[in-house]
C-alpha atoms as a PDB file:
ATOM      1  CA  MET A   1      49.116   7.650  12.415  1.00  0.00           C
ATOM      2  CA  GLN A   2      45.928   6.548  14.025  1.00  0.00           C
ATOM      3  CA  ARG A   3      43.988   9.697  13.805  1.00  0.00           C
ATOM      4  CA  ILE A   4      44.621  10.045  10.004  1.00  0.00           C
ATOM      5  CA  THR A   5      43.484   6.239   9.465  1.00  0.00           C
ATOM      6  CA  ASP A   6      40.270   7.167  11.553  1.00  0.00           C
ATOM      7  CA  GLU A   7      39.554  10.382   9.338  1.00  0.00           C
ATOM      8  CA  ALA A   8      40.085   8.297   6.311  1.00  0.00           C
ATOM      9  CA  ILE A   9      37.653   5.781   7.327  1.00  0.00           C
ATOM     10  CA  ILE A  10      35.113   8.261   8.513  1.00  0.00           C
ATOM     11  CA  GLU A  11      35.484  10.241   5.005  1.00  0.00           C
ATOM     12  CA  ALA A  12      34.897   7.205   2.973  1.00  0.00           C
ATOM     13  CA  ALA A  13      32.065   5.886   4.984  1.00  0.00           C
ATOM     14  CA  THR A  14      30.285   9.365   4.681  1.00  0.00           C
ATOM     15  CA  LYS A  15      31.000   9.605   0.926  1.00  0.00           C
ATOM     16  CA  ALA A  16      29.384   5.675   0.523  1.00  0.00           C
ATOM     17  CA  LEU A  17      26.522   7.309   2.614  1.00  0.00           C
ATOM     18  CA  GLU A  18      25.634  10.109   0.307  1.00  0.00           C
ATOM     19  CA  LYS A  19      26.331   8.378  -2.717  1.00  0.00           C
ATOM     20  CA  ASN A  20      23.929   5.671  -2.064  1.00  0.00           C
ATOM     21  CA  GLU A  21      20.915   7.280  -0.447  1.00  0.00           C
ATOM     22  CA  ILE A  22      19.194  10.397  -0.607  1.00  0.00           C
ATOM     23  CA  MET A  23      17.655  11.947   2.411  1.00  0.00           C
ATOM     24  CA  LEU A  24      14.649  14.286   2.042  1.00  0.00           C
ATOM     25  CA  GLU A  25      13.298  16.672   4.297  1.00  0.00           C
ATOM     26  CA  PRO A  26       9.381  15.996   5.187  1.00  0.00           C
ATOM     27  CA  LYS A  27       8.217  18.640   2.758  1.00  0.00           C
ATOM     28  CA  ASP A  28      10.048  16.974   0.069  1.00  0.00           C
ATOM     29  CA  ALA A  29       9.070  13.499   1.093  1.00  0.00           C
ATOM     30  CA  ALA A  30       5.495  14.387   1.271  1.00  0.00           C
ATOM     31  CA  LYS A  31       5.851  15.408  -2.397  1.00  0.00           C
ATOM     32  CA  VAL A  32       7.226  12.254  -3.409  1.00  0.00           C
ATOM     33  CA  ILE A  33       4.575  10.014  -1.546  1.00  0.00           C
ATOM     34  CA  GLY A  34       1.863  12.407  -2.759  1.00  0.00           C
ATOM     35  CA  CYS A  35       0.687  13.369   0.762  1.00  0.00           C
ATOM     36  CA  GLY A  36       0.548  16.338   3.314  1.00  0.00           C
ATOM     37  CA  GLU A  37       3.552  17.208   5.266  1.00  0.00           C
ATOM     38  CA  ARG A  38       1.434  17.302   8.549  1.00  0.00           C
ATOM     39  CA  TRP A  39       0.067  13.640   7.924  1.00  0.00           C
ATOM     40  CA  LEU A  40       3.576  12.400   7.228  1.00  0.00           C
ATOM     41  CA  ARG A  41       5.012  14.058  10.323  1.00  0.00           C
ATOM     42  CA  ASP A  42       2.335  12.725  12.443  1.00  0.00           C
ATOM     43  CA  GLY A  43       2.592   9.404  10.904  1.00  0.00           C
ATOM     44  CA  ALA A  44       6.357   9.416  11.799  1.00  0.00           C
ATOM     45  CA  ASN A  45       5.704  10.465  15.342  1.00  0.00           C
ATOM     46  CA  HIS A  46       2.642   8.542  16.260  1.00  0.00           C
ATOM     47  CA  SER A  47       2.156   5.794  13.610  1.00  0.00           C
ATOM     48  CA  GLY A  48       5.590   4.126  12.997  1.00  0.00           C
ATOM     49  CA  PHE A  49       6.124   5.332   9.818  1.00  0.00           C
ATOM     50  CA  PRO A  50       9.831   4.553   8.735  1.00  0.00           C
ATOM     51  CA  HIS A  51      12.167   7.710   9.043  1.00  0.00           C
ATOM     52  CA  HIS A  52      15.460   8.848  10.398  1.00  0.00           C
ATOM     53  CA  ARG A  53      16.210  11.258  12.836  1.00  0.00           C
ATOM     54  CA  PHE A  54      19.266  13.512  13.168  1.00  0.00           C
ATOM     55  CA  GLY A  55      19.070  15.524  16.460  1.00  0.00           C
ATOM     56  CA  ARG A  56      15.635  17.326  16.177  1.00  0.00           C
ATOM     57  CA  PHE A  57      15.761  16.918  12.168  1.00  0.00           C
ATOM     58  CA  MET A  58      13.424  14.209  10.458  1.00  0.00           C
ATOM     59  CA  LYS A  59      14.740  12.984   7.286  1.00  0.00           C
ATOM     60  CA  PHE A  60      13.255  10.318   4.741  1.00  0.00           C
ATOM     61  CA  SER A  61      15.324   8.199   2.288  1.00  0.00           C
ATOM     62  CA  LEU A  62      13.382   6.838  -0.812  1.00  0.00           C
ATOM     63  CA  GLN A  63      13.043   3.475   0.900  1.00  0.00           C
ATOM     64  CA  ASP A  64      11.115   4.984   3.646  1.00  0.00           C
ATOM     65  CA  CYS A  65       8.928   6.802   1.014  1.00  0.00           C
ATOM     66  CA  ARG A  66       8.193   3.174  -0.627  1.00  0.00           C
ATOM     67  CA  GLU A  67       7.525   1.643   2.450  1.00  0.00           C
ATOM     68  CA  ILE A  68       5.187   4.388   3.797  1.00  0.00           C
ATOM     69  CA  ARG A  69       3.123   4.282   0.472  1.00  0.00           C
ATOM     70  CA  GLU A  70       2.931   0.400   0.888  1.00  0.00           C
ATOM     71  CA  MET A  71       1.957   0.848   4.316  1.00  0.00           C
ATOM     72  CA  ASN A  72      -1.048   2.875   3.362  1.00  0.00           C
ATOM     73  CA  ARG A  73      -2.155   1.128   0.195  1.00  0.00           C
ATOM     74  CA  GLU A  74      -5.564  -0.081   0.253  1.00  0.00           C
ATOM     75  CA  THR A  75      -6.708  -3.066  -2.133  1.00  0.00           C
ATOM     76  CA  ALA A  76      -9.487  -2.638  -4.253  1.00  0.00           C
ATOM     77  CA  ARG A  77     -12.972  -3.793  -2.971  1.00  0.00           C
ATOM     78  CA  PRO A  78     -16.423  -4.191  -4.720  1.00  0.00           C
ATOM     79  CA  SER A  79     -19.028  -1.326  -4.001  1.00  0.00           C
ATOM     80  CA  GLU A  80     -21.873  -2.074  -1.960  1.00  0.00           C
ATOM     81  CA  LEU A  81     -23.863  -1.814  -5.156  1.00  0.00           C
ATOM     82  CA  ALA A  82     -21.774  -4.555  -6.942  1.00  0.00           C
ATOM     83  CA  LYS A  83     -22.380  -6.969  -4.049  1.00  0.00           C
ATOM     84  CA  ALA A  84     -26.114  -6.286  -4.022  1.00  0.00           C
ATOM     85  CA  ARG A  85     -26.352  -7.243  -7.568  1.00  0.00           C
ATOM     86  CA  ARG A  86     -24.291 -10.392  -7.018  1.00  0.00           C
ATOM     87  CA  ARG A  87     -26.490 -11.521  -4.238  1.00  0.00           C
ATOM     88  CA  LYS A  88     -29.611 -10.880  -6.268  1.00  0.00           C
ATOM     89  CA  ALA A  89     -28.148 -12.581  -9.282  1.00  0.00           C
ATOM     90  CA  THR A  90     -27.172 -15.746  -7.516  1.00  0.00           C
ATOM     91  CA  ALA A  91     -30.549 -15.643  -5.426  1.00  0.00           C
ATOM     92  CA  ARG A  92     -32.567 -15.876  -8.378  1.00  0.00           C
ATOM     93  CA  LYS A  93     -34.545 -19.560  -9.365  1.00  0.00           C
ATOM     94  CA  PRO A  94     -36.576 -19.792 -12.263  1.00  0.00           C
ATOM     95  CA  PRO A  95     -40.036 -20.461 -11.814  1.00  0.00           C
ATOM     96  CA  GLU A  96     -41.747 -23.841 -11.565  1.00  0.00           C
ATOM     97  CA  GLY A  97     -43.202 -24.069 -14.971  1.00  0.00           C
ATOM     98  CA  SER A  98     -40.638 -22.050 -16.771  1.00  0.00           C
ATOM     99  CA  PRO A  99     -38.849 -23.980 -19.902  1.00  0.00           C
ATOM    100  CA  ALA A 100     -35.493 -23.942 -17.929  1.00  0.00           C
ATOM    101  CA  ASN A 101     -37.135 -26.365 -15.239  1.00  0.00           C
ATOM    102  CA  LEU A 102     -39.090 -28.398 -17.936  1.00  0.00           C
ATOM    103  CA  ALA A 103     -35.716 -29.292 -19.862  1.00  0.00           C
ATOM    104  CA  ALA A 104     -34.121 -30.482 -16.603  1.00  0.00           C
ATOM    105  CA  LYS A 105     -36.802 -32.847 -16.054  1.00  0.00           C
ATOM    106  CA  PRO A 106     -36.858 -36.110 -17.647  1.00  0.00           C
ATOM    107  CA  LEU A 107     -39.723 -36.810 -19.962  1.00  0.00           C
ATOM    108  CA  ARG A 108     -41.914 -39.738 -19.133  1.00  0.00           C
ATOM    109  CA  PRO A 109     -43.346 -41.813 -21.903  1.00  0.00           C
ATOM    110  CA  ALA A 110     -47.160 -41.387 -22.332  1.00  0.00           C
ATOM    111  CA  SER A 111     -49.158 -44.377 -20.952  1.00  0.00           C
END
């Protein structure tokens, strides 16, 4: 009686696991992520990429693929040219006799 119950529990758990999550081989996971298979395998073995091991087999869930993409996401940074332009634009000061400086100075009545 106990053996039948255990088998039913294991079968139900296996079906629930397969139903909720797809496990991909490294070749297919690399295509999903948009990288090379060797890079993905090296990352799982040496860089801490999330993955599952079943004996000697490496598998990736879709959640693992999302996490790997997020781990390797780079935020946009301004280019060196944009930084140089910004520095040059803020460093400029109008010359002493320019109209911009004359307007900023209060006028004195002629004596």
